N, C-alpha and C. Protein backbone atom coordinates (compact mmCIF):
# COMPACT_ATOMS: atom_id res chain seq x y z
N MET A 1 193.47 173.73 34.81
CA MET A 1 193.44 172.51 34.04
C MET A 1 193.46 171.35 34.97
N ALA A 2 192.67 170.45 34.65
CA ALA A 2 192.57 169.31 35.59
C ALA A 2 193.74 168.43 35.48
N ASN A 3 193.98 167.80 36.67
CA ASN A 3 195.11 166.89 36.73
C ASN A 3 194.63 165.55 36.21
N PRO A 4 195.19 165.17 35.10
CA PRO A 4 194.76 163.88 34.53
C PRO A 4 195.11 162.73 35.41
N ASP A 5 196.13 162.92 36.23
CA ASP A 5 196.55 161.78 37.07
C ASP A 5 195.70 161.66 38.32
N HIS A 6 195.08 162.72 38.72
CA HIS A 6 194.30 162.70 39.97
C HIS A 6 192.91 163.24 39.69
N GLN A 7 192.16 162.52 38.97
CA GLN A 7 190.81 162.97 38.67
C GLN A 7 189.96 162.96 39.92
N ASN A 8 189.09 163.98 40.04
CA ASN A 8 188.14 164.10 41.15
C ASN A 8 188.83 164.14 42.49
N ASP A 9 189.97 164.84 42.59
CA ASP A 9 190.64 164.97 43.89
C ASP A 9 189.71 165.73 44.83
N GLY A 10 189.53 165.22 46.03
CA GLY A 10 188.71 165.87 47.04
C GLY A 10 187.26 165.48 46.99
N ALA A 11 186.77 164.75 46.00
CA ALA A 11 185.35 164.31 45.90
C ALA A 11 185.23 162.85 46.25
N PRO A 12 184.11 162.43 46.80
CA PRO A 12 183.95 160.99 47.17
C PRO A 12 183.93 160.13 45.95
N PRO A 13 184.36 158.92 46.10
CA PRO A 13 184.40 158.03 44.93
C PRO A 13 182.98 157.71 44.50
N ARG A 14 182.80 157.60 43.19
CA ARG A 14 181.48 157.32 42.65
C ARG A 14 181.02 155.89 42.96
N ASN A 15 181.80 154.90 42.96
CA ASN A 15 181.43 153.49 43.18
C ASN A 15 182.25 152.93 44.32
N VAL A 16 181.51 152.29 45.29
CA VAL A 16 182.20 151.70 46.44
C VAL A 16 182.15 150.21 46.27
N HIS A 17 183.20 149.56 46.31
CA HIS A 17 183.29 148.10 46.17
C HIS A 17 183.62 147.49 47.53
N ILE A 18 182.73 146.59 47.96
CA ILE A 18 182.94 145.93 49.26
C ILE A 18 183.70 144.66 48.99
N GLY A 19 184.74 144.54 49.56
CA GLY A 19 185.58 143.39 49.34
C GLY A 19 185.37 142.32 50.38
N PRO A 20 186.07 141.26 50.29
CA PRO A 20 185.95 140.16 51.27
C PRO A 20 186.19 140.61 52.69
N ALA A 21 187.05 141.53 52.92
CA ALA A 21 187.35 141.96 54.27
C ALA A 21 186.15 142.63 54.90
N SER A 22 185.40 143.40 54.09
CA SER A 22 184.22 144.10 54.63
C SER A 22 183.14 143.11 55.02
N LYS A 23 182.96 142.04 54.21
CA LYS A 23 181.95 141.02 54.52
C LYS A 23 182.24 140.36 55.86
N LYS A 24 183.47 140.16 56.15
CA LYS A 24 183.85 139.52 57.40
C LYS A 24 183.50 140.40 58.59
N LYS A 25 183.41 141.73 58.39
CA LYS A 25 183.13 142.61 59.49
C LYS A 25 181.66 142.60 59.88
N TRP A 26 180.72 142.60 58.89
CA TRP A 26 179.29 142.68 59.25
C TRP A 26 178.62 141.34 59.37
N LEU A 27 179.24 140.24 58.96
CA LEU A 27 178.60 138.91 59.06
C LEU A 27 178.36 138.50 60.51
N PRO A 28 179.29 138.72 61.43
CA PRO A 28 178.99 138.37 62.84
C PRO A 28 177.83 139.18 63.40
N TRP A 29 177.74 140.45 62.99
CA TRP A 29 176.61 141.24 63.48
C TRP A 29 175.28 140.71 62.98
N LEU A 30 175.28 140.23 61.75
CA LEU A 30 174.05 139.66 61.19
C LEU A 30 173.64 138.40 61.94
N LEU A 31 174.61 137.56 62.21
CA LEU A 31 174.31 136.33 62.95
C LEU A 31 173.82 136.65 64.36
N LEU A 32 174.45 137.67 64.99
CA LEU A 32 174.03 138.06 66.33
C LEU A 32 172.59 138.58 66.34
N ALA A 33 172.23 139.33 65.30
CA ALA A 33 170.86 139.86 65.21
C ALA A 33 169.85 138.73 65.04
N LEU A 34 170.22 137.76 64.21
CA LEU A 34 169.32 136.62 64.01
C LEU A 34 169.16 135.82 65.30
N ALA A 35 170.26 135.67 66.05
CA ALA A 35 170.19 134.93 67.31
C ALA A 35 169.30 135.64 68.31
N LEU A 36 169.46 137.02 68.38
CA LEU A 36 168.62 137.79 69.28
C LEU A 36 167.15 137.68 68.90
N LEU A 37 166.87 137.69 67.58
CA LEU A 37 165.48 137.58 67.12
C LEU A 37 164.90 136.23 67.50
N ALA A 38 165.69 135.18 67.32
CA ALA A 38 165.21 133.84 67.67
C ALA A 38 164.96 133.73 69.18
N LEU A 39 165.84 134.37 69.99
CA LEU A 39 165.68 134.33 71.44
C LEU A 39 164.41 135.06 71.85
N MET A 40 164.14 136.19 71.23
CA MET A 40 162.95 136.95 71.56
C MET A 40 161.69 136.16 71.21
N LEU A 41 161.70 135.53 70.05
CA LEU A 41 160.53 134.72 69.67
C LEU A 41 160.32 133.56 70.64
N GLY A 42 161.43 132.95 71.08
CA GLY A 42 161.31 131.84 72.04
C GLY A 42 160.74 132.29 73.36
N LEU A 43 161.21 133.45 73.87
CA LEU A 43 160.70 133.97 75.14
C LEU A 43 159.23 134.31 75.05
N ARG A 44 158.82 134.87 73.91
CA ARG A 44 157.40 135.23 73.73
C ARG A 44 156.52 133.99 73.71
N SER A 45 157.01 132.94 73.08
CA SER A 45 156.25 131.68 73.03
C SER A 45 156.08 131.09 74.42
N CYS A 46 157.14 131.15 75.22
CA CYS A 46 157.05 130.63 76.60
C CYS A 46 156.06 131.45 77.42
N ARG A 47 156.08 132.79 77.24
CA ARG A 47 155.19 133.64 78.01
C ARG A 47 153.74 133.36 77.64
N ASP A 48 153.49 133.13 76.33
CA ASP A 48 152.11 132.84 75.91
C ASP A 48 151.63 131.54 76.52
N ARG A 49 152.51 130.55 76.59
CA ARG A 49 152.10 129.28 77.20
C ARG A 49 151.83 129.44 78.68
N ASP A 50 152.61 130.29 79.34
CA ASP A 50 152.40 130.49 80.78
C ASP A 50 151.09 131.18 81.07
N GLU A 51 150.61 132.02 80.12
CA GLU A 51 149.40 132.78 80.36
C GLU A 51 148.13 132.01 80.04
N ILE A 52 148.24 130.82 79.45
CA ILE A 52 147.03 130.03 79.14
C ILE A 52 146.42 129.55 80.43
N PRO A 53 145.18 129.90 80.74
CA PRO A 53 144.56 129.49 82.02
C PRO A 53 144.37 127.98 82.08
N VAL A 54 144.60 127.46 83.26
CA VAL A 54 144.42 126.02 83.49
C VAL A 54 143.01 125.80 84.01
N VAL A 55 142.20 125.06 83.29
CA VAL A 55 140.81 124.79 83.67
C VAL A 55 140.76 123.49 84.45
N ALA A 56 140.25 123.59 85.69
CA ALA A 56 140.14 122.39 86.52
C ALA A 56 139.01 121.52 86.02
N THR A 57 139.24 120.27 85.94
CA THR A 57 138.23 119.31 85.51
C THR A 57 137.79 118.47 86.69
N ALA A 58 136.49 118.13 86.68
CA ALA A 58 135.94 117.31 87.77
C ALA A 58 136.46 115.89 87.64
N PRO A 59 136.73 115.25 88.76
CA PRO A 59 137.20 113.87 88.69
C PRO A 59 136.14 112.96 88.08
N VAL A 60 136.55 112.05 87.27
CA VAL A 60 135.66 111.10 86.61
C VAL A 60 135.47 109.90 87.49
N ALA A 61 134.22 109.59 87.80
CA ALA A 61 133.93 108.44 88.66
C ALA A 61 134.28 107.16 87.93
N PRO A 62 134.87 106.20 88.62
CA PRO A 62 135.20 104.93 87.97
C PRO A 62 133.95 104.18 87.57
N VAL A 63 134.01 103.54 86.43
CA VAL A 63 132.88 102.75 85.94
C VAL A 63 132.87 101.42 86.66
N PRO A 64 131.75 101.06 87.31
CA PRO A 64 131.72 99.78 88.03
C PRO A 64 131.81 98.60 87.09
N ASP A 65 132.33 97.50 87.61
CA ASP A 65 132.46 96.30 86.80
C ASP A 65 131.12 95.63 86.54
N THR A 66 130.18 95.88 87.44
CA THR A 66 128.87 95.26 87.30
C THR A 66 127.80 96.34 87.25
N ALA A 67 126.64 95.96 86.75
CA ALA A 67 125.53 96.90 86.69
C ALA A 67 125.11 97.29 88.09
N PRO A 68 124.67 98.55 88.28
CA PRO A 68 124.24 98.97 89.63
C PRO A 68 123.05 98.16 90.09
N VAL A 69 123.02 97.92 91.39
CA VAL A 69 121.93 97.14 91.98
C VAL A 69 120.74 98.06 92.19
N VAL A 70 119.63 97.72 91.56
CA VAL A 70 118.41 98.51 91.68
C VAL A 70 117.59 97.93 92.82
N PRO A 71 117.26 98.73 93.83
CA PRO A 71 116.49 98.18 94.95
C PRO A 71 115.14 97.70 94.48
N ALA A 72 114.71 96.57 95.05
CA ALA A 72 113.43 96.00 94.69
C ALA A 72 112.31 96.92 95.14
N PRO A 73 111.30 97.04 94.30
CA PRO A 73 110.18 97.88 94.71
C PRO A 73 109.50 97.35 95.94
N VAL A 74 109.15 98.39 96.74
CA VAL A 74 108.44 97.99 97.93
C VAL A 74 107.02 97.63 97.56
N PRO A 75 106.63 96.41 97.95
CA PRO A 75 105.27 96.03 97.59
C PRO A 75 104.25 96.87 98.31
N ALA A 76 103.10 97.07 97.64
CA ALA A 76 102.01 97.81 98.27
C ALA A 76 101.37 96.98 99.36
N PRO A 77 100.86 97.64 100.42
CA PRO A 77 100.21 96.89 101.50
C PRO A 77 99.05 96.07 100.98
N ALA A 78 98.99 94.81 101.42
CA ALA A 78 97.91 93.94 100.99
C ALA A 78 96.59 94.40 101.59
N ALA A 79 95.53 94.17 100.84
CA ALA A 79 94.21 94.53 101.34
C ALA A 79 93.86 93.67 102.54
N GLU A 80 93.18 94.30 103.47
CA GLU A 80 92.80 93.58 104.66
C GLU A 80 91.80 92.49 104.32
N THR A 81 92.01 91.33 104.88
CA THR A 81 91.13 90.20 104.66
C THR A 81 90.36 89.94 105.95
N ALA A 82 89.23 89.29 105.76
CA ALA A 82 88.41 88.98 106.92
C ALA A 82 89.15 88.05 107.85
N ALA A 83 88.99 88.28 109.14
CA ALA A 83 89.68 87.46 110.13
C ALA A 83 89.14 86.03 110.06
N VAL A 84 90.06 85.08 110.18
CA VAL A 84 89.66 83.67 110.17
C VAL A 84 89.07 83.33 111.53
N LEU A 85 87.86 82.80 111.52
CA LEU A 85 87.19 82.48 112.78
C LEU A 85 87.79 81.22 113.39
N PRO A 86 87.90 81.19 114.71
CA PRO A 86 88.43 79.99 115.36
C PRO A 86 87.45 78.84 115.25
N GLY A 87 87.99 77.62 115.29
CA GLY A 87 87.15 76.44 115.20
C GLY A 87 86.48 76.12 116.53
N LEU A 88 85.48 75.25 116.43
CA LEU A 88 84.69 74.91 117.61
C LEU A 88 85.53 74.21 118.68
N SER A 89 86.64 73.60 118.28
CA SER A 89 87.48 72.88 119.24
C SER A 89 88.12 73.82 120.26
N SER A 90 88.14 75.13 119.99
CA SER A 90 88.76 76.09 120.93
C SER A 90 87.74 76.76 121.83
N VAL A 91 86.46 76.35 121.77
CA VAL A 91 85.43 76.97 122.61
C VAL A 91 85.72 76.74 124.09
N GLY A 92 86.14 75.53 124.46
CA GLY A 92 86.40 75.23 125.87
C GLY A 92 87.45 76.15 126.45
N GLY A 93 88.56 76.38 125.74
CA GLY A 93 89.60 77.29 126.22
C GLY A 93 89.10 78.72 126.34
N TYR A 94 88.23 79.12 125.42
CA TYR A 94 87.69 80.48 125.48
C TYR A 94 86.78 80.63 126.70
N LEU A 95 85.91 79.64 126.96
CA LEU A 95 85.02 79.73 128.11
C LEU A 95 85.79 79.74 129.43
N ALA A 96 86.97 79.13 129.43
CA ALA A 96 87.78 79.11 130.65
C ALA A 96 88.60 80.39 130.83
N GLY A 97 88.70 81.21 129.78
CA GLY A 97 89.53 82.41 129.84
C GLY A 97 88.75 83.65 130.19
N THR A 98 89.36 84.80 129.89
CA THR A 98 88.75 86.09 130.24
C THR A 98 88.66 87.03 129.03
N GLU A 99 88.75 86.48 127.83
CA GLU A 99 88.68 87.34 126.63
C GLU A 99 87.29 87.96 126.53
N ALA A 100 87.25 89.09 125.83
CA ALA A 100 85.99 89.84 125.73
C ALA A 100 84.91 89.04 125.01
N LEU A 101 83.67 89.30 125.38
CA LEU A 101 82.50 88.73 124.74
C LEU A 101 81.91 89.77 123.77
N PRO A 102 81.12 89.35 122.79
CA PRO A 102 80.91 87.97 122.36
C PRO A 102 82.05 87.51 121.46
N ARG A 103 82.03 86.23 121.10
CA ARG A 103 83.06 85.66 120.24
C ARG A 103 82.41 84.60 119.36
N THR A 104 82.74 84.64 118.05
CA THR A 104 82.14 83.73 117.08
C THR A 104 83.10 82.59 116.77
N PHE A 105 82.54 81.38 116.67
CA PHE A 105 83.30 80.18 116.32
C PHE A 105 82.60 79.47 115.17
N VAL A 106 83.37 78.74 114.37
CA VAL A 106 82.79 77.98 113.26
C VAL A 106 82.79 76.50 113.61
N PHE A 107 81.72 75.82 113.18
CA PHE A 107 81.71 74.36 113.28
C PHE A 107 82.70 73.82 112.25
N GLU A 108 83.54 72.93 112.66
CA GLU A 108 84.60 72.44 111.78
C GLU A 108 84.12 71.32 110.86
N LYS A 109 83.00 70.69 111.19
CA LYS A 109 82.51 69.58 110.36
C LYS A 109 81.04 69.70 110.01
N LEU A 110 80.33 70.62 110.62
CA LEU A 110 78.88 70.69 110.44
C LEU A 110 78.51 71.46 109.18
N ASN A 111 77.94 70.77 108.19
CA ASN A 111 77.40 71.37 106.97
C ASN A 111 76.07 70.67 106.64
N PHE A 112 75.33 71.26 105.74
CA PHE A 112 74.00 70.74 105.42
C PHE A 112 73.91 70.40 103.94
N ASP A 113 73.03 69.45 103.64
CA ASP A 113 72.74 69.11 102.25
C ASP A 113 71.89 70.19 101.62
N THR A 114 71.87 70.23 100.29
CA THR A 114 71.11 71.25 99.57
C THR A 114 69.64 71.24 99.96
N ALA A 115 69.15 72.43 100.31
CA ALA A 115 67.74 72.65 100.62
C ALA A 115 67.25 71.84 101.81
N LYS A 116 68.16 71.38 102.66
CA LYS A 116 67.76 70.57 103.82
C LYS A 116 68.32 71.20 105.10
N SER A 117 67.68 70.89 106.23
CA SER A 117 68.11 71.41 107.52
C SER A 117 68.40 70.31 108.52
N GLU A 118 68.27 69.07 108.11
CA GLU A 118 68.53 67.95 109.02
C GLU A 118 70.03 67.81 109.29
N ILE A 119 70.33 67.42 110.54
CA ILE A 119 71.73 67.19 110.90
C ILE A 119 72.17 65.85 110.30
N ARG A 120 73.28 65.87 109.59
CA ARG A 120 73.81 64.64 109.00
C ARG A 120 74.44 63.79 110.10
N ALA A 121 74.40 62.50 109.90
CA ALA A 121 74.93 61.57 110.91
C ALA A 121 76.42 61.82 111.14
N ALA A 122 77.14 62.18 110.08
CA ALA A 122 78.58 62.40 110.21
C ALA A 122 78.92 63.62 111.04
N ASP A 123 77.95 64.52 111.24
CA ASP A 123 78.22 65.77 111.95
C ASP A 123 77.76 65.75 113.40
N ARG A 124 77.10 64.70 113.83
CA ARG A 124 76.56 64.67 115.19
C ARG A 124 77.66 64.59 116.26
N GLU A 125 78.79 64.02 115.92
CA GLU A 125 79.86 63.90 116.91
C GLU A 125 80.33 65.27 117.38
N GLU A 126 80.43 66.21 116.48
CA GLU A 126 80.88 67.56 116.86
C GLU A 126 79.85 68.23 117.77
N LEU A 127 78.55 67.99 117.51
CA LEU A 127 77.52 68.56 118.39
C LEU A 127 77.57 67.93 119.77
N ASN A 128 77.86 66.65 119.83
CA ASN A 128 77.99 65.99 121.13
C ASN A 128 79.16 66.57 121.92
N THR A 129 80.26 66.88 121.22
CA THR A 129 81.40 67.49 121.90
C THR A 129 81.03 68.86 122.45
N LEU A 130 80.30 69.65 121.66
CA LEU A 130 79.87 70.97 122.12
C LEU A 130 78.97 70.85 123.34
N ALA A 131 78.07 69.90 123.34
CA ALA A 131 77.18 69.71 124.49
C ALA A 131 77.99 69.39 125.74
N GLY A 132 79.04 68.59 125.60
CA GLY A 132 79.88 68.26 126.75
C GLY A 132 80.59 69.50 127.30
N VAL A 133 81.08 70.39 126.42
CA VAL A 133 81.75 71.61 126.87
C VAL A 133 80.77 72.52 127.59
N MET A 134 79.54 72.65 127.08
CA MET A 134 78.57 73.52 127.72
C MET A 134 78.16 72.98 129.09
N LYS A 135 78.21 71.69 129.26
CA LYS A 135 77.90 71.13 130.59
C LYS A 135 79.00 71.48 131.59
N GLN A 136 80.23 71.61 131.12
CA GLN A 136 81.33 72.01 132.01
C GLN A 136 81.19 73.47 132.44
N TYR A 137 80.53 74.27 131.63
CA TYR A 137 80.35 75.71 131.93
C TYR A 137 78.84 75.99 131.91
N PRO A 138 78.16 75.65 132.99
CA PRO A 138 76.69 75.73 133.01
C PRO A 138 76.13 77.14 132.90
N ASN A 139 76.93 78.14 133.12
CA ASN A 139 76.46 79.52 133.00
C ASN A 139 76.58 80.06 131.57
N SER A 140 77.19 79.28 130.69
CA SER A 140 77.42 79.76 129.32
C SER A 140 76.11 79.80 128.54
N ARG A 141 76.02 80.77 127.64
CA ARG A 141 74.89 80.92 126.73
C ARG A 141 75.45 81.16 125.34
N ILE A 142 74.78 80.58 124.32
CA ILE A 142 75.27 80.71 122.96
C ILE A 142 74.13 81.06 122.01
N ARG A 143 74.53 81.61 120.86
CA ARG A 143 73.58 81.85 119.76
C ARG A 143 74.06 81.01 118.58
N ILE A 144 73.14 80.32 117.94
CA ILE A 144 73.46 79.50 116.78
C ILE A 144 72.90 80.21 115.55
N VAL A 145 73.76 80.41 114.54
CA VAL A 145 73.36 81.12 113.32
C VAL A 145 73.48 80.15 112.15
N GLY A 146 72.38 79.96 111.41
CA GLY A 146 72.38 79.08 110.24
C GLY A 146 72.50 79.87 108.94
N TYR A 147 73.20 79.27 107.95
CA TYR A 147 73.43 79.95 106.66
C TYR A 147 73.02 79.04 105.50
N ALA A 148 72.87 79.65 104.32
CA ALA A 148 72.54 78.93 103.09
C ALA A 148 73.47 79.41 101.98
N ASP A 149 73.55 78.63 100.87
CA ASP A 149 74.29 79.12 99.71
C ASP A 149 73.40 80.09 98.94
N ALA A 150 73.90 80.63 97.84
CA ALA A 150 73.20 81.71 97.15
C ALA A 150 72.15 81.23 96.16
N ARG A 151 71.96 79.96 96.00
CA ARG A 151 70.91 79.48 95.11
C ARG A 151 69.54 79.68 95.78
N GLY A 152 68.55 79.93 94.98
CA GLY A 152 67.23 80.19 95.52
C GLY A 152 67.05 81.66 95.85
N THR A 153 65.86 82.03 96.30
CA THR A 153 65.57 83.42 96.62
C THR A 153 66.11 83.77 98.01
N ALA A 154 66.34 85.04 98.23
CA ALA A 154 66.86 85.48 99.53
C ALA A 154 65.89 85.16 100.66
N PRO A 155 64.56 85.37 100.50
CA PRO A 155 63.66 85.00 101.60
C PRO A 155 63.67 83.50 101.90
N ALA A 156 63.73 82.68 100.86
CA ALA A 156 63.76 81.23 101.08
C ALA A 156 65.05 80.82 101.79
N ASN A 157 66.18 81.45 101.43
CA ASN A 157 67.44 81.13 102.07
C ASN A 157 67.49 81.62 103.52
N ALA A 158 66.81 82.73 103.80
CA ALA A 158 66.74 83.21 105.18
C ALA A 158 65.97 82.23 106.05
N THR A 159 64.88 81.69 105.51
CA THR A 159 64.10 80.69 106.25
C THR A 159 64.90 79.41 106.43
N LEU A 160 65.62 79.02 105.39
CA LEU A 160 66.44 77.80 105.47
C LEU A 160 67.54 77.95 106.50
N GLY A 161 68.13 79.12 106.60
CA GLY A 161 69.15 79.35 107.61
C GLY A 161 68.60 79.24 109.01
N LYS A 162 67.41 79.77 109.22
CA LYS A 162 66.77 79.69 110.54
C LYS A 162 66.45 78.24 110.90
N ASP A 163 65.95 77.47 109.94
CA ASP A 163 65.63 76.06 110.19
C ASP A 163 66.90 75.28 110.56
N ARG A 164 68.01 75.57 109.94
CA ARG A 164 69.26 74.87 110.24
C ARG A 164 69.74 75.21 111.66
N ALA A 165 69.59 76.45 112.06
CA ALA A 165 69.97 76.83 113.42
C ALA A 165 69.08 76.12 114.44
N GLU A 166 67.78 75.98 114.14
CA GLU A 166 66.87 75.29 115.04
C GLU A 166 67.21 73.80 115.14
N SER A 167 67.70 73.22 114.05
CA SER A 167 68.09 71.81 114.08
C SER A 167 69.29 71.61 115.01
N VAL A 168 70.26 72.52 114.99
CA VAL A 168 71.42 72.43 115.88
C VAL A 168 70.96 72.58 117.32
N LYS A 169 70.07 73.53 117.57
CA LYS A 169 69.56 73.72 118.93
C LYS A 169 68.88 72.46 119.43
N ALA A 170 68.06 71.86 118.59
CA ALA A 170 67.33 70.65 119.00
C ALA A 170 68.30 69.53 119.34
N ALA A 171 69.41 69.42 118.58
CA ALA A 171 70.38 68.37 118.85
C ALA A 171 71.07 68.60 120.19
N LEU A 172 71.35 69.85 120.55
CA LEU A 172 71.98 70.14 121.84
C LEU A 172 71.01 69.91 123.00
N VAL A 173 69.75 70.28 122.79
CA VAL A 173 68.75 70.05 123.83
C VAL A 173 68.61 68.55 124.07
N ALA A 174 68.70 67.79 122.98
CA ALA A 174 68.62 66.33 123.12
C ALA A 174 69.78 65.78 123.93
N GLN A 175 70.89 66.52 124.01
CA GLN A 175 72.06 66.11 124.78
C GLN A 175 72.02 66.66 126.21
N GLY A 176 70.91 67.29 126.61
CA GLY A 176 70.77 67.74 127.98
C GLY A 176 71.06 69.21 128.21
N ILE A 177 71.23 70.03 127.16
CA ILE A 177 71.47 71.46 127.32
C ILE A 177 70.12 72.17 127.38
N ALA A 178 69.93 73.01 128.40
CA ALA A 178 68.66 73.72 128.58
C ALA A 178 68.41 74.64 127.39
N ALA A 179 67.17 74.64 126.90
CA ALA A 179 66.82 75.42 125.71
C ALA A 179 67.01 76.91 125.93
N GLU A 180 66.81 77.37 127.19
CA GLU A 180 66.95 78.81 127.45
C GLU A 180 68.40 79.30 127.35
N ARG A 181 69.33 78.39 127.26
CA ARG A 181 70.73 78.78 127.08
C ARG A 181 71.10 78.92 125.60
N LEU A 182 70.15 78.62 124.74
CA LEU A 182 70.42 78.57 123.30
C LEU A 182 69.52 79.56 122.55
N GLU A 183 70.12 80.43 121.74
CA GLU A 183 69.38 81.32 120.84
C GLU A 183 69.63 80.88 119.41
N THR A 184 68.74 81.21 118.50
CA THR A 184 68.93 80.89 117.08
C THR A 184 68.73 82.14 116.24
N ALA A 185 69.39 82.18 115.10
CA ALA A 185 69.27 83.30 114.16
C ALA A 185 69.61 82.78 112.77
N SER A 186 69.30 83.56 111.75
CA SER A 186 69.57 83.18 110.37
C SER A 186 70.46 84.22 109.71
N GLY A 187 71.47 83.73 108.99
CA GLY A 187 72.30 84.61 108.17
C GLY A 187 71.93 84.51 106.71
N GLY A 188 71.01 83.58 106.40
CA GLY A 188 70.59 83.41 105.00
C GLY A 188 71.77 83.16 104.07
N GLU A 189 71.76 83.81 102.94
CA GLU A 189 72.84 83.65 101.96
C GLU A 189 73.92 84.72 102.12
N THR A 190 73.79 85.57 103.14
CA THR A 190 74.77 86.64 103.37
C THR A 190 76.05 86.07 103.98
N ASP A 191 77.12 86.83 103.88
CA ASP A 191 78.41 86.51 104.50
C ASP A 191 78.91 85.12 104.12
N PRO A 192 79.04 84.81 102.84
CA PRO A 192 79.57 83.50 102.45
C PRO A 192 81.04 83.37 102.82
N VAL A 193 81.47 82.15 103.12
CA VAL A 193 82.87 81.89 103.45
C VAL A 193 83.63 81.33 102.25
N ASP A 194 82.91 81.04 101.17
CA ASP A 194 83.53 80.49 99.97
C ASP A 194 82.71 80.95 98.77
N THR A 195 83.21 80.64 97.58
CA THR A 195 82.51 81.05 96.37
C THR A 195 81.22 80.26 96.19
N ASN A 196 80.22 80.91 95.64
CA ASN A 196 78.97 80.23 95.31
C ASN A 196 78.96 79.75 93.86
N ALA A 197 80.10 79.85 93.18
CA ALA A 197 80.17 79.45 91.78
C ALA A 197 80.52 77.97 91.61
N THR A 198 80.92 77.31 92.68
CA THR A 198 81.28 75.89 92.60
C THR A 198 80.47 75.11 93.62
N ALA A 199 80.35 73.80 93.37
CA ALA A 199 79.60 72.93 94.28
C ALA A 199 80.29 72.86 95.64
N SER A 200 81.64 72.80 95.64
CA SER A 200 82.35 72.73 96.92
C SER A 200 82.21 74.02 97.71
N GLY A 201 82.21 75.17 97.01
CA GLY A 201 82.01 76.44 97.70
C GLY A 201 80.62 76.56 98.28
N GLN A 202 79.62 76.08 97.53
CA GLN A 202 78.25 76.11 98.02
C GLN A 202 78.11 75.22 99.27
N PHE A 203 78.79 74.09 99.27
CA PHE A 203 78.73 73.20 100.42
C PHE A 203 79.29 73.89 101.66
N GLU A 204 80.41 74.62 101.51
CA GLU A 204 80.99 75.33 102.66
C GLU A 204 80.06 76.42 103.17
N ASN A 205 79.29 77.03 102.29
CA ASN A 205 78.39 78.10 102.71
C ASN A 205 77.13 77.58 103.40
N ARG A 206 76.79 76.32 103.22
CA ARG A 206 75.64 75.72 103.93
C ARG A 206 76.14 75.25 105.29
N ARG A 207 76.21 76.17 106.24
CA ARG A 207 76.91 75.92 107.48
C ARG A 207 76.16 76.52 108.66
N ALA A 208 76.75 76.40 109.83
CA ALA A 208 76.24 77.04 111.05
C ALA A 208 77.43 77.59 111.83
N GLU A 209 77.21 78.68 112.52
CA GLU A 209 78.23 79.28 113.38
C GLU A 209 77.71 79.42 114.79
N LEU A 210 78.65 79.56 115.72
CA LEU A 210 78.31 79.62 117.14
C LEU A 210 78.84 80.93 117.71
N VAL A 211 78.01 81.67 118.42
CA VAL A 211 78.41 82.93 119.05
C VAL A 211 78.26 82.77 120.55
N VAL A 212 79.37 82.89 121.28
CA VAL A 212 79.33 82.79 122.74
C VAL A 212 78.87 84.15 123.27
N LEU A 213 77.74 84.11 124.02
CA LEU A 213 77.17 85.34 124.58
C LEU A 213 77.51 85.53 126.05
N GLN A 214 77.72 84.42 126.75
CA GLN A 214 77.95 84.49 128.19
C GLN A 214 78.76 83.29 128.62
N ARG A 215 79.62 83.48 129.63
CA ARG A 215 80.41 82.38 130.15
C ARG A 215 79.68 81.73 131.32
């Protein structure tokens, strides 16, 4: 018969009641576990940050305060121009020197009227000066070349150029220069020194040049 006073002697109790004292025993362990978990998470976060590769960046050049200076373009070489002929006033120095022959000189004042070959009165002084220089150098020989502007036909201008050269020769002979020291030729309308589109350019082209052949 069972003991009414001691029911279930020797068997575990059916219901376990945890009292305040039991809570006090496992609460520190719970807090310790939470602290350890937080510490582990913190260490893992630090390790992940340490493993992130550091990418080197190129230094950024400072922006100048002013716009960069662009070098000026180098100009292209200028086209060669015809050499400027020396004036008749330098013939004396040339005859006294040793520069190579032949050499061409331009009359600085001698020009002709349209379609004419006569020496103008205003131009005779320059011819007189040339005659004086040739007398100082009696062995010198020259060629006189007459030119015309581009109006008229080429054959007519060639004849006009020859007539103008002969007029210069005649003026020098009249000053005492031997005719055999003087040659004449015609350049016609070729080799203009100025434009033939204007009256002033045409006047410059109606000219004569001097070529020193011998000293």
